N, C-alpha and C. Protein backbone atom coordinates (compact mmCIF):
# COMPACT_ATOMS: atom_id res chain seq x y z
N MET A 1 1.40 -10.41 -5.82
CA MET A 1 2.32 -9.97 -4.80
C MET A 1 3.24 -8.90 -5.37
N PHE A 2 3.45 -7.84 -4.59
CA PHE A 2 4.29 -6.72 -5.03
C PHE A 2 5.41 -6.50 -4.03
N THR A 3 6.31 -5.56 -4.35
CA THR A 3 7.42 -5.28 -3.44
C THR A 3 7.41 -3.85 -2.93
N GLY A 4 6.55 -3.00 -3.49
CA GLY A 4 6.52 -1.61 -3.06
C GLY A 4 7.59 -0.76 -3.71
N ILE A 5 8.21 -1.28 -4.77
CA ILE A 5 9.19 -0.50 -5.54
C ILE A 5 8.48 0.00 -6.79
N VAL A 6 8.09 1.26 -6.79
CA VAL A 6 7.29 1.83 -7.88
C VAL A 6 8.10 1.83 -9.18
N GLU A 7 7.46 1.36 -10.25
CA GLU A 7 8.14 1.29 -11.55
C GLU A 7 8.03 2.57 -12.35
N GLU A 8 6.90 3.25 -12.22
CA GLU A 8 6.76 4.51 -12.94
C GLU A 8 5.61 5.32 -12.37
N LEU A 9 5.65 6.60 -12.68
CA LEU A 9 4.59 7.53 -12.29
C LEU A 9 3.64 7.64 -13.47
N GLY A 10 2.44 7.04 -13.33
CA GLY A 10 1.47 7.04 -14.41
C GLY A 10 0.48 8.18 -14.28
N GLU A 11 -0.54 8.16 -15.14
CA GLU A 11 -1.53 9.24 -15.15
C GLU A 11 -2.90 8.69 -15.50
N ILE A 12 -3.93 9.22 -14.82
CA ILE A 12 -5.31 8.89 -15.16
C ILE A 12 -5.71 9.69 -16.39
N THR A 13 -6.13 8.99 -17.45
CA THR A 13 -6.51 9.68 -18.68
C THR A 13 -8.01 9.73 -18.89
N ALA A 14 -8.77 8.88 -18.20
CA ALA A 14 -10.23 8.91 -18.32
C ALA A 14 -10.84 8.21 -17.11
N VAL A 15 -12.01 8.70 -16.71
CA VAL A 15 -12.76 8.09 -15.61
C VAL A 15 -14.21 7.95 -16.04
N GLU A 16 -14.73 6.73 -16.00
CA GLU A 16 -16.14 6.47 -16.31
C GLU A 16 -16.83 6.00 -15.04
N ASN A 17 -17.78 6.80 -14.57
CA ASN A 17 -18.50 6.47 -13.34
C ASN A 17 -19.69 5.56 -13.68
N LEU A 18 -19.69 4.37 -13.10
CA LEU A 18 -20.76 3.40 -13.30
C LEU A 18 -21.68 3.41 -12.08
N ASP A 19 -22.71 2.56 -12.07
CA ASP A 19 -23.67 2.56 -10.98
C ASP A 19 -23.02 2.24 -9.63
N ASP A 20 -22.19 1.22 -9.59
CA ASP A 20 -21.58 0.81 -8.33
C ASP A 20 -20.07 0.60 -8.48
N ALA A 21 -19.48 1.31 -9.43
CA ALA A 21 -18.05 1.17 -9.68
C ALA A 21 -17.58 2.31 -10.56
N SER A 22 -16.30 2.33 -10.83
CA SER A 22 -15.72 3.28 -11.77
C SER A 22 -14.75 2.53 -12.67
N ARG A 23 -14.61 3.00 -13.89
CA ARG A 23 -13.65 2.42 -14.81
C ARG A 23 -12.59 3.48 -15.10
N PHE A 24 -11.35 3.16 -14.77
CA PHE A 24 -10.23 4.08 -14.99
C PHE A 24 -9.46 3.67 -16.23
N ARG A 25 -9.04 4.67 -17.00
CA ARG A 25 -8.05 4.44 -18.04
C ARG A 25 -6.77 5.14 -17.58
N LEU A 26 -5.67 4.39 -17.61
CA LEU A 26 -4.41 4.90 -17.10
C LEU A 26 -3.30 4.77 -18.12
N ARG A 27 -2.41 5.75 -18.13
CA ARG A 27 -1.25 5.70 -19.02
C ARG A 27 -0.03 5.29 -18.22
N GLY A 28 0.69 4.27 -18.75
CA GLY A 28 1.90 3.80 -18.10
C GLY A 28 2.70 2.95 -19.07
N PRO A 29 3.60 3.55 -19.84
CA PRO A 29 4.34 2.81 -20.86
C PRO A 29 5.13 1.61 -20.32
N VAL A 30 5.65 1.72 -19.11
CA VAL A 30 6.47 0.63 -18.57
C VAL A 30 5.60 -0.56 -18.17
N VAL A 31 4.56 -0.31 -17.38
CA VAL A 31 3.75 -1.42 -16.86
C VAL A 31 2.86 -2.05 -17.93
N THR A 32 2.59 -1.33 -19.02
CA THR A 32 1.73 -1.89 -20.07
C THR A 32 2.52 -2.73 -21.06
N GLU A 33 3.83 -2.69 -20.99
CA GLU A 33 4.63 -3.49 -21.91
C GLU A 33 4.40 -4.98 -21.62
N GLY A 34 3.82 -5.67 -22.57
CA GLY A 34 3.52 -7.08 -22.41
C GLY A 34 2.29 -7.36 -21.57
N ALA A 35 1.53 -6.32 -21.21
CA ALA A 35 0.34 -6.52 -20.37
C ALA A 35 -0.74 -7.28 -21.14
N ARG A 36 -1.49 -8.09 -20.41
CA ARG A 36 -2.58 -8.86 -20.99
C ARG A 36 -3.83 -8.72 -20.14
N HIS A 37 -4.96 -9.03 -20.75
CA HIS A 37 -6.23 -9.02 -20.01
C HIS A 37 -6.13 -9.96 -18.81
N GLY A 38 -6.51 -9.46 -17.64
CA GLY A 38 -6.48 -10.27 -16.44
C GLY A 38 -5.23 -10.10 -15.60
N ASP A 39 -4.22 -9.41 -16.14
CA ASP A 39 -3.01 -9.16 -15.36
C ASP A 39 -3.31 -8.20 -14.20
N SER A 40 -2.45 -8.24 -13.20
CA SER A 40 -2.59 -7.34 -12.05
C SER A 40 -1.57 -6.21 -12.15
N ILE A 41 -2.00 -5.01 -11.79
CA ILE A 41 -1.12 -3.85 -11.69
C ILE A 41 -1.53 -3.08 -10.44
N ALA A 42 -0.55 -2.73 -9.62
CA ALA A 42 -0.84 -1.94 -8.41
C ALA A 42 -0.91 -0.46 -8.79
N VAL A 43 -2.02 0.17 -8.42
CA VAL A 43 -2.23 1.59 -8.67
C VAL A 43 -2.34 2.30 -7.32
N ASN A 44 -1.34 3.08 -6.98
CA ASN A 44 -1.27 3.71 -5.65
C ASN A 44 -1.44 2.67 -4.54
N GLY A 45 -0.86 1.49 -4.78
CA GLY A 45 -0.89 0.45 -3.77
C GLY A 45 -2.10 -0.44 -3.79
N VAL A 46 -3.03 -0.22 -4.71
CA VAL A 46 -4.24 -1.03 -4.82
C VAL A 46 -4.09 -1.98 -6.00
N CYS A 47 -4.21 -3.27 -5.75
CA CYS A 47 -4.09 -4.26 -6.82
C CYS A 47 -5.34 -4.22 -7.70
N LEU A 48 -5.16 -3.85 -8.96
CA LEU A 48 -6.27 -3.79 -9.91
C LEU A 48 -6.01 -4.75 -11.06
N THR A 49 -7.09 -5.17 -11.72
CA THR A 49 -7.01 -6.11 -12.83
C THR A 49 -7.15 -5.39 -14.16
N VAL A 50 -6.25 -5.71 -15.08
CA VAL A 50 -6.29 -5.11 -16.41
C VAL A 50 -7.50 -5.65 -17.16
N VAL A 51 -8.40 -4.75 -17.57
CA VAL A 51 -9.57 -5.13 -18.36
C VAL A 51 -9.25 -5.06 -19.85
N ASP A 52 -8.59 -3.98 -20.24
CA ASP A 52 -8.26 -3.76 -21.64
C ASP A 52 -6.90 -3.08 -21.71
N HIS A 53 -6.22 -3.26 -22.82
CA HIS A 53 -4.89 -2.70 -22.97
C HIS A 53 -4.69 -2.28 -24.41
N GLU A 54 -4.29 -1.04 -24.62
CA GLU A 54 -4.05 -0.54 -25.97
C GLU A 54 -2.92 0.48 -25.92
N GLY A 55 -1.86 0.23 -26.66
CA GLY A 55 -0.72 1.14 -26.65
C GLY A 55 -0.10 1.20 -25.28
N ASP A 56 0.08 2.41 -24.77
CA ASP A 56 0.68 2.58 -23.45
C ASP A 56 -0.38 2.86 -22.38
N GLU A 57 -1.64 2.49 -22.66
CA GLU A 57 -2.72 2.70 -21.70
C GLU A 57 -3.44 1.38 -21.40
N PHE A 58 -4.03 1.33 -20.21
CA PHE A 58 -4.84 0.18 -19.83
C PHE A 58 -6.04 0.67 -19.03
N THR A 59 -7.09 -0.16 -19.01
CA THR A 59 -8.27 0.18 -18.22
C THR A 59 -8.42 -0.83 -17.09
N ALA A 60 -9.03 -0.36 -15.99
CA ALA A 60 -9.27 -1.22 -14.83
C ALA A 60 -10.56 -0.79 -14.17
N ASP A 61 -11.36 -1.77 -13.75
CA ASP A 61 -12.60 -1.49 -13.04
C ASP A 61 -12.33 -1.47 -11.54
N VAL A 62 -12.91 -0.49 -10.86
CA VAL A 62 -12.73 -0.34 -9.42
C VAL A 62 -14.11 -0.35 -8.77
N MET A 63 -14.38 -1.39 -7.97
CA MET A 63 -15.71 -1.51 -7.35
C MET A 63 -15.88 -0.51 -6.23
N ALA A 64 -17.13 -0.30 -5.82
CA ALA A 64 -17.46 0.71 -4.82
C ALA A 64 -16.72 0.48 -3.51
N GLU A 65 -16.57 -0.78 -3.10
CA GLU A 65 -15.87 -1.09 -1.85
C GLU A 65 -14.45 -0.54 -1.87
N THR A 66 -13.77 -0.71 -3.00
CA THR A 66 -12.40 -0.20 -3.11
C THR A 66 -12.38 1.32 -3.15
N LEU A 67 -13.32 1.92 -3.85
CA LEU A 67 -13.39 3.37 -3.91
C LEU A 67 -13.62 3.97 -2.53
N ASN A 68 -14.44 3.29 -1.71
CA ASN A 68 -14.77 3.81 -0.39
C ASN A 68 -13.67 3.60 0.64
N ARG A 69 -12.88 2.54 0.46
CA ARG A 69 -11.88 2.19 1.47
C ARG A 69 -10.46 2.62 1.09
N SER A 70 -10.32 3.26 -0.04
CA SER A 70 -9.00 3.72 -0.48
C SER A 70 -9.12 5.15 -0.99
N SER A 71 -7.98 5.70 -1.39
CA SER A 71 -7.99 7.07 -1.92
C SER A 71 -8.27 7.11 -3.42
N LEU A 72 -8.55 5.95 -4.03
CA LEU A 72 -8.80 5.94 -5.47
C LEU A 72 -10.05 6.73 -5.84
N GLY A 73 -10.99 6.83 -4.91
CA GLY A 73 -12.21 7.57 -5.19
C GLY A 73 -11.96 9.05 -5.42
N ALA A 74 -10.81 9.55 -4.99
CA ALA A 74 -10.48 10.97 -5.16
C ALA A 74 -9.74 11.26 -6.46
N LEU A 75 -9.43 10.21 -7.22
CA LEU A 75 -8.68 10.40 -8.46
C LEU A 75 -9.56 10.99 -9.56
N ALA A 76 -8.94 11.78 -10.41
CA ALA A 76 -9.64 12.40 -11.54
C ALA A 76 -8.70 12.41 -12.73
N VAL A 77 -9.22 12.80 -13.88
CA VAL A 77 -8.38 12.89 -15.08
C VAL A 77 -7.21 13.83 -14.79
N GLY A 78 -6.02 13.36 -15.09
CA GLY A 78 -4.83 14.16 -14.84
C GLY A 78 -4.10 13.79 -13.56
N SER A 79 -4.75 13.02 -12.67
CA SER A 79 -4.10 12.60 -11.43
C SER A 79 -2.92 11.71 -11.73
N ARG A 80 -1.81 11.90 -11.02
CA ARG A 80 -0.65 11.05 -11.16
C ARG A 80 -0.75 9.91 -10.16
N VAL A 81 -0.32 8.73 -10.56
CA VAL A 81 -0.45 7.53 -9.73
C VAL A 81 0.83 6.70 -9.80
N ASN A 82 1.11 6.00 -8.71
CA ASN A 82 2.23 5.07 -8.67
C ASN A 82 1.81 3.74 -9.29
N LEU A 83 2.64 3.19 -10.16
CA LEU A 83 2.32 1.94 -10.85
C LEU A 83 3.42 0.91 -10.61
N GLU A 84 3.00 -0.33 -10.38
CA GLU A 84 3.94 -1.43 -10.22
C GLU A 84 3.31 -2.73 -10.69
N ARG A 85 4.07 -3.49 -11.45
CA ARG A 85 3.63 -4.82 -11.84
C ARG A 85 3.96 -5.82 -10.74
N PRO A 86 3.28 -6.97 -10.71
CA PRO A 86 3.58 -7.98 -9.68
C PRO A 86 5.01 -8.49 -9.80
N MET A 87 5.55 -8.93 -8.68
CA MET A 87 6.89 -9.49 -8.67
C MET A 87 6.87 -10.86 -9.35
N ALA A 88 7.84 -11.09 -10.22
CA ALA A 88 7.97 -12.39 -10.88
C ALA A 88 8.80 -13.32 -9.99
N VAL A 89 8.53 -14.60 -10.08
CA VAL A 89 9.29 -15.58 -9.31
C VAL A 89 10.76 -15.48 -9.68
N GLY A 90 11.60 -15.35 -8.67
CA GLY A 90 13.03 -15.23 -8.91
C GLY A 90 13.53 -13.80 -8.89
N ASP A 91 12.60 -12.81 -8.88
CA ASP A 91 13.02 -11.41 -8.81
C ASP A 91 13.57 -11.08 -7.43
N ARG A 92 14.36 -10.01 -7.37
CA ARG A 92 14.83 -9.51 -6.09
C ARG A 92 13.68 -8.83 -5.34
N LEU A 93 13.62 -9.05 -4.04
CA LEU A 93 12.61 -8.40 -3.21
C LEU A 93 13.21 -7.11 -2.69
N GLY A 94 13.11 -6.05 -3.49
CA GLY A 94 13.77 -4.80 -3.15
C GLY A 94 13.13 -4.05 -2.00
N GLY A 95 11.82 -4.20 -1.82
CA GLY A 95 11.14 -3.51 -0.74
C GLY A 95 10.76 -4.48 0.36
N HIS A 96 9.45 -4.76 0.49
CA HIS A 96 8.98 -5.81 1.40
C HIS A 96 7.74 -6.43 0.78
N ILE A 97 7.19 -7.44 1.41
CA ILE A 97 6.03 -8.14 0.86
C ILE A 97 4.81 -7.22 0.92
N VAL A 98 4.28 -6.89 -0.26
CA VAL A 98 3.11 -6.01 -0.38
C VAL A 98 2.02 -6.77 -1.13
N GLN A 99 0.82 -6.83 -0.56
CA GLN A 99 -0.27 -7.57 -1.19
C GLN A 99 -1.10 -6.74 -2.15
N GLY A 100 -1.07 -5.45 -2.00
CA GLY A 100 -1.95 -4.61 -2.80
C GLY A 100 -3.35 -4.55 -2.23
N HIS A 101 -3.49 -4.91 -0.94
CA HIS A 101 -4.77 -4.85 -0.23
C HIS A 101 -4.69 -3.74 0.80
N VAL A 102 -5.29 -2.61 0.50
CA VAL A 102 -5.19 -1.43 1.37
C VAL A 102 -5.91 -1.68 2.70
N ASP A 103 -5.21 -1.35 3.80
CA ASP A 103 -5.79 -1.53 5.13
C ASP A 103 -6.55 -0.29 5.60
N GLY A 104 -6.25 0.85 5.03
CA GLY A 104 -6.90 2.09 5.42
C GLY A 104 -6.24 3.26 4.73
N THR A 105 -6.71 4.44 5.04
CA THR A 105 -6.13 5.64 4.46
C THR A 105 -5.63 6.57 5.56
N GLY A 106 -4.60 7.30 5.23
CA GLY A 106 -4.09 8.34 6.12
C GLY A 106 -4.11 9.66 5.39
N THR A 107 -3.67 10.70 6.08
CA THR A 107 -3.62 12.04 5.49
C THR A 107 -2.25 12.64 5.75
N VAL A 108 -1.70 13.25 4.74
CA VAL A 108 -0.42 13.95 4.93
C VAL A 108 -0.66 15.11 5.89
N ILE A 109 0.09 15.12 6.99
CA ILE A 109 -0.06 16.16 8.01
C ILE A 109 0.90 17.31 7.76
N GLU A 110 2.16 16.98 7.54
CA GLU A 110 3.14 18.04 7.28
C GLU A 110 4.36 17.47 6.56
N ARG A 111 5.12 18.37 5.96
CA ARG A 111 6.35 18.02 5.27
C ARG A 111 7.46 18.92 5.80
N LYS A 112 8.62 18.32 6.10
CA LYS A 112 9.76 19.08 6.59
C LYS A 112 10.96 18.80 5.69
N PRO A 113 11.22 19.70 4.75
CA PRO A 113 12.34 19.49 3.84
C PRO A 113 13.68 19.78 4.52
N SER A 114 14.71 19.07 4.08
CA SER A 114 16.07 19.34 4.52
C SER A 114 16.96 19.33 3.29
N GLU A 115 18.26 19.36 3.49
CA GLU A 115 19.16 19.48 2.35
C GLU A 115 19.15 18.24 1.46
N ASN A 116 19.09 17.04 2.06
CA ASN A 116 19.22 15.82 1.28
C ASN A 116 18.02 14.88 1.36
N TRP A 117 17.04 15.18 2.16
CA TRP A 117 15.86 14.34 2.25
C TRP A 117 14.70 15.17 2.80
N GLU A 118 13.55 14.54 2.93
CA GLU A 118 12.37 15.23 3.45
C GLU A 118 11.61 14.30 4.38
N ILE A 119 11.23 14.84 5.53
CA ILE A 119 10.44 14.08 6.48
C ILE A 119 8.96 14.39 6.25
N VAL A 120 8.16 13.34 6.08
CA VAL A 120 6.72 13.50 5.86
C VAL A 120 5.98 12.83 7.02
N LYS A 121 5.07 13.56 7.62
CA LYS A 121 4.25 13.06 8.73
C LYS A 121 2.86 12.73 8.21
N ILE A 122 2.39 11.52 8.51
CA ILE A 122 1.12 11.02 7.98
C ILE A 122 0.26 10.50 9.12
N SER A 123 -1.02 10.83 9.09
CA SER A 123 -1.94 10.35 10.12
C SER A 123 -2.15 8.85 9.99
N LEU A 124 -2.46 8.21 11.12
CA LEU A 124 -2.58 6.76 11.16
C LEU A 124 -3.89 6.37 11.83
N PRO A 125 -4.77 5.61 11.16
CA PRO A 125 -6.02 5.17 11.78
C PRO A 125 -5.75 4.37 13.04
N ALA A 126 -6.63 4.52 14.03
CA ALA A 126 -6.42 3.89 15.34
C ALA A 126 -6.27 2.38 15.25
N ASP A 127 -7.01 1.74 14.34
CA ASP A 127 -6.96 0.28 14.27
C ASP A 127 -5.70 -0.25 13.60
N LEU A 128 -4.82 0.63 13.12
CA LEU A 128 -3.59 0.19 12.47
C LEU A 128 -2.34 0.50 13.29
N THR A 129 -2.48 1.27 14.37
CA THR A 129 -1.31 1.71 15.12
C THR A 129 -0.50 0.54 15.67
N ARG A 130 -1.16 -0.55 16.06
CA ARG A 130 -0.43 -1.67 16.68
C ARG A 130 0.47 -2.40 15.69
N TYR A 131 0.27 -2.17 14.40
CA TYR A 131 1.09 -2.84 13.39
C TYR A 131 2.28 -2.00 12.94
N VAL A 132 2.37 -0.78 13.40
CA VAL A 132 3.40 0.14 12.91
C VAL A 132 4.44 0.38 14.01
N VAL A 133 5.69 0.08 13.71
CA VAL A 133 6.77 0.23 14.69
C VAL A 133 7.94 0.98 14.04
N GLU A 134 8.73 1.62 14.87
CA GLU A 134 9.90 2.32 14.37
C GLU A 134 10.84 1.34 13.66
N LYS A 135 11.33 1.77 12.51
CA LYS A 135 12.23 0.98 11.64
C LYS A 135 11.52 -0.21 10.99
N GLY A 136 10.19 -0.29 11.16
CA GLY A 136 9.43 -1.32 10.47
C GLY A 136 9.03 -0.85 9.08
N SER A 137 8.37 -1.72 8.33
CA SER A 137 7.96 -1.39 6.96
C SER A 137 6.49 -1.01 6.90
N ILE A 138 6.18 -0.08 6.02
CA ILE A 138 4.79 0.29 5.74
C ILE A 138 4.71 0.70 4.28
N THR A 139 3.55 0.48 3.68
CA THR A 139 3.34 0.85 2.28
C THR A 139 2.45 2.08 2.22
N VAL A 140 2.94 3.13 1.58
CA VAL A 140 2.20 4.38 1.43
C VAL A 140 1.99 4.64 -0.06
N ASP A 141 0.75 4.61 -0.50
CA ASP A 141 0.44 4.76 -1.93
C ASP A 141 1.26 3.80 -2.79
N GLY A 142 1.46 2.58 -2.26
CA GLY A 142 2.17 1.56 -3.01
C GLY A 142 3.67 1.63 -2.91
N ILE A 143 4.20 2.52 -2.06
CA ILE A 143 5.65 2.68 -1.92
C ILE A 143 6.10 2.01 -0.63
N SER A 144 7.07 1.13 -0.72
CA SER A 144 7.64 0.49 0.46
C SER A 144 8.54 1.49 1.17
N LEU A 145 8.19 1.81 2.43
CA LEU A 145 8.94 2.80 3.19
C LEU A 145 9.28 2.28 4.58
N THR A 146 10.30 2.87 5.18
CA THR A 146 10.70 2.53 6.54
C THR A 146 10.16 3.60 7.49
N VAL A 147 9.51 3.15 8.56
CA VAL A 147 8.96 4.07 9.55
C VAL A 147 10.09 4.69 10.35
N VAL A 148 10.12 6.02 10.42
CA VAL A 148 11.12 6.72 11.23
C VAL A 148 10.62 6.88 12.66
N ASP A 149 9.42 7.38 12.82
CA ASP A 149 8.83 7.60 14.14
C ASP A 149 7.39 7.09 14.11
N ALA A 150 7.01 6.31 15.12
CA ALA A 150 5.65 5.77 15.21
C ALA A 150 4.96 6.40 16.41
N GLY A 151 4.05 7.33 16.17
CA GLY A 151 3.33 7.99 17.24
C GLY A 151 2.00 7.32 17.53
N PRO A 152 1.21 7.87 18.45
CA PRO A 152 -0.08 7.27 18.81
C PRO A 152 -1.12 7.35 17.69
N ASP A 153 -1.02 8.35 16.84
CA ASP A 153 -1.99 8.49 15.74
C ASP A 153 -1.32 9.01 14.47
N TYR A 154 -0.02 8.79 14.36
CA TYR A 154 0.71 9.23 13.17
C TYR A 154 2.00 8.43 13.05
N PHE A 155 2.64 8.56 11.91
CA PHE A 155 3.99 8.04 11.72
C PHE A 155 4.72 8.97 10.76
N THR A 156 6.03 8.88 10.75
CA THR A 156 6.81 9.69 9.83
C THR A 156 7.70 8.79 8.97
N VAL A 157 8.00 9.26 7.78
CA VAL A 157 8.91 8.56 6.87
C VAL A 157 9.89 9.59 6.32
N SER A 158 11.08 9.12 5.99
CA SER A 158 12.10 9.98 5.42
C SER A 158 12.25 9.64 3.94
N LEU A 159 12.11 10.63 3.08
CA LEU A 159 12.10 10.41 1.64
C LEU A 159 13.36 10.97 0.99
N ILE A 160 14.03 10.13 0.21
CA ILE A 160 15.20 10.56 -0.53
C ILE A 160 14.76 11.24 -1.83
N PRO A 161 15.64 12.00 -2.47
CA PRO A 161 15.26 12.70 -3.70
C PRO A 161 14.67 11.80 -4.77
N THR A 162 15.19 10.56 -4.91
CA THR A 162 14.66 9.65 -5.93
C THR A 162 13.19 9.36 -5.70
N THR A 163 12.80 9.09 -4.44
CA THR A 163 11.40 8.83 -4.11
C THR A 163 10.54 10.06 -4.38
N LEU A 164 11.06 11.24 -4.06
CA LEU A 164 10.32 12.48 -4.28
C LEU A 164 10.12 12.74 -5.77
N ASP A 165 11.13 12.39 -6.58
CA ASP A 165 11.06 12.68 -8.01
C ASP A 165 10.21 11.67 -8.78
N LEU A 166 10.20 10.40 -8.34
CA LEU A 166 9.61 9.34 -9.15
C LEU A 166 8.30 8.78 -8.61
N THR A 167 7.75 9.33 -7.53
CA THR A 167 6.49 8.83 -6.97
C THR A 167 5.56 9.99 -6.62
N THR A 168 4.34 9.65 -6.28
CA THR A 168 3.35 10.67 -5.92
C THR A 168 3.68 11.39 -4.63
N LEU A 169 4.54 10.82 -3.80
CA LEU A 169 4.86 11.50 -2.54
C LEU A 169 5.64 12.78 -2.76
N GLY A 170 6.18 12.96 -3.92
CA GLY A 170 6.80 14.24 -4.25
C GLY A 170 5.77 15.31 -4.55
N LEU A 171 4.52 14.89 -4.78
CA LEU A 171 3.45 15.82 -5.15
C LEU A 171 2.44 16.04 -4.03
N LYS A 172 2.35 15.11 -3.10
CA LYS A 172 1.33 15.20 -2.05
C LYS A 172 1.58 16.39 -1.13
N GLN A 173 0.48 17.05 -0.77
CA GLN A 173 0.54 18.20 0.12
C GLN A 173 -0.28 17.92 1.38
N PRO A 174 -0.05 18.68 2.47
CA PRO A 174 -0.84 18.48 3.69
C PRO A 174 -2.33 18.50 3.39
N GLY A 175 -3.03 17.49 3.90
CA GLY A 175 -4.46 17.35 3.65
C GLY A 175 -4.78 16.32 2.60
N ASP A 176 -3.79 15.91 1.79
CA ASP A 176 -4.02 14.92 0.75
C ASP A 176 -4.09 13.51 1.35
N PRO A 177 -5.00 12.66 0.84
CA PRO A 177 -5.11 11.29 1.36
C PRO A 177 -4.08 10.37 0.72
N VAL A 178 -3.70 9.33 1.46
CA VAL A 178 -2.78 8.31 0.95
C VAL A 178 -3.27 6.94 1.39
N ASN A 179 -3.01 5.93 0.57
CA ASN A 179 -3.37 4.56 0.91
C ASN A 179 -2.29 3.95 1.79
N LEU A 180 -2.72 3.18 2.80
CA LEU A 180 -1.80 2.55 3.72
C LEU A 180 -2.01 1.04 3.74
N GLU A 181 -0.92 0.31 3.68
CA GLU A 181 -0.95 -1.14 3.89
C GLU A 181 0.15 -1.49 4.88
N VAL A 182 -0.23 -2.07 5.99
CA VAL A 182 0.75 -2.43 7.01
C VAL A 182 1.41 -3.75 6.63
N ASP A 183 2.48 -4.07 7.34
CA ASP A 183 3.23 -5.30 7.06
C ASP A 183 2.35 -6.52 7.38
N VAL A 184 2.10 -7.34 6.38
CA VAL A 184 1.22 -8.50 6.55
C VAL A 184 1.78 -9.49 7.56
N ILE A 185 3.09 -9.54 7.71
CA ILE A 185 3.68 -10.46 8.69
C ILE A 185 3.22 -10.12 10.09
N ALA A 186 3.10 -8.83 10.41
CA ALA A 186 2.63 -8.42 11.73
C ALA A 186 1.21 -8.90 11.98
N LYS A 187 0.37 -8.88 10.95
CA LYS A 187 -1.01 -9.33 11.12
C LYS A 187 -1.09 -10.83 11.34
N TYR A 188 -0.25 -11.59 10.64
CA TYR A 188 -0.22 -13.04 10.84
C TYR A 188 0.26 -13.40 12.24
N VAL A 189 1.30 -12.70 12.71
CA VAL A 189 1.82 -12.95 14.05
C VAL A 189 0.74 -12.68 15.10
N GLU A 190 0.03 -11.57 14.93
CA GLU A 190 -1.03 -11.23 15.87
C GLU A 190 -2.10 -12.32 15.90
N ARG A 191 -2.49 -12.79 14.74
CA ARG A 191 -3.53 -13.81 14.67
C ARG A 191 -3.07 -15.11 15.32
N LEU A 192 -1.84 -15.51 15.06
CA LEU A 192 -1.32 -16.75 15.61
C LEU A 192 -1.18 -16.67 17.13
N LEU A 193 -0.67 -15.56 17.64
CA LEU A 193 -0.53 -15.40 19.08
C LEU A 193 -1.89 -15.33 19.77
N GLY A 194 -2.86 -14.69 19.09
CA GLY A 194 -4.20 -14.62 19.65
C GLY A 194 -4.85 -15.98 19.75
N ALA A 195 -4.66 -16.81 18.72
CA ALA A 195 -5.22 -18.16 18.73
C ALA A 195 -4.58 -19.00 19.83
N ARG A 196 -3.27 -18.82 20.03
CA ARG A 196 -2.58 -19.58 21.07
C ARG A 196 -3.07 -19.17 22.46
N ALA A 197 -3.33 -17.86 22.64
CA ALA A 197 -3.77 -17.37 23.95
C ALA A 197 -5.17 -17.90 24.30
N GLU A 198 -5.98 -18.17 23.27
CA GLU A 198 -7.34 -18.65 23.52
C GLU A 198 -7.40 -20.14 23.81
N GLN A 199 -6.33 -20.87 23.53
CA GLN A 199 -6.33 -22.31 23.78
C GLN A 199 -6.19 -22.58 25.27
N PRO A 200 -6.94 -23.56 25.80
CA PRO A 200 -6.83 -23.90 27.23
C PRO A 200 -5.46 -24.47 27.55
N VAL A 201 -4.98 -24.13 28.72
CA VAL A 201 -3.68 -24.63 29.16
C VAL A 201 -3.85 -26.00 29.77
N THR A 202 -3.14 -27.00 29.26
CA THR A 202 -3.21 -28.34 29.75
C THR A 202 -1.92 -28.69 30.50
N LEU A 203 -2.03 -28.95 31.77
CA LEU A 203 -0.86 -29.30 32.56
C LEU A 203 -0.57 -30.79 32.41
N PRO A 204 0.69 -31.18 32.41
CA PRO A 204 1.03 -32.61 32.29
C PRO A 204 0.50 -33.38 33.50
N GLY A 205 0.01 -34.60 33.24
CA GLY A 205 -0.54 -35.40 34.32
C GLY A 205 0.52 -35.82 35.35
N ILE A 206 0.11 -35.95 36.60
CA ILE A 206 1.00 -36.36 37.65
C ILE A 206 0.87 -37.85 37.83
N GLN A 207 1.98 -38.57 37.67
CA GLN A 207 1.97 -40.02 37.76
C GLN A 207 2.10 -40.46 39.23
N GLY A 208 1.29 -41.44 39.61
CA GLY A 208 1.38 -41.99 40.98
C GLY A 208 0.62 -41.13 41.98
N ALA A 209 0.70 -41.44 43.20
CA ALA A 209 0.01 -40.69 44.25
C ALA A 209 0.91 -40.61 45.45
N ALA A 210 0.73 -39.56 46.17
CA ALA A 210 1.54 -39.36 47.35
C ALA A 210 1.16 -40.38 48.42
N GLN A 211 2.15 -40.92 49.09
CA GLN A 211 1.91 -41.92 50.15
C GLN A 211 1.79 -41.22 51.51
């Protein structure tokens, strides 16, 4: 479980293409401190498992399903990535509940800079629009963000200088893909309400009979 508060901007240092997967080597001095084999680290919002760890680098295997359903397949040596370790029990939940399970990908449509922040417009897959609401939470490349405007096929977020300086969203340009994870609470609510709607309505029995 993650919070969407990126700990550092890491870098891909090697990519090994396998038959049905890829093995990434990533540099991240903060997230590798105390890392062990089998630990989880979110890379651009995708929960990956540490295979090996040496110095300030770690390796992770990414299966074909993940490469196809996320933007990780577009990464190459030199690519910068957002890194976050799982939340420890008792930590502050600075962002929102993030699973590290990407629901789909969007594309940066445009950027509108202003004096103190920047508005970024991102495309939204049709099957995710019902989960995105104004002032709600969404995860973009592993970053917990608040939705400013929720359109029929897009949404916008407002980025402060800290987010621009310390995450990949400061580097993304129109046309670049981003990983999206919607608020898991919205998906649970939908499932529960759907199950309730499918249940037959039982009216209370009427006692006695009319005379």
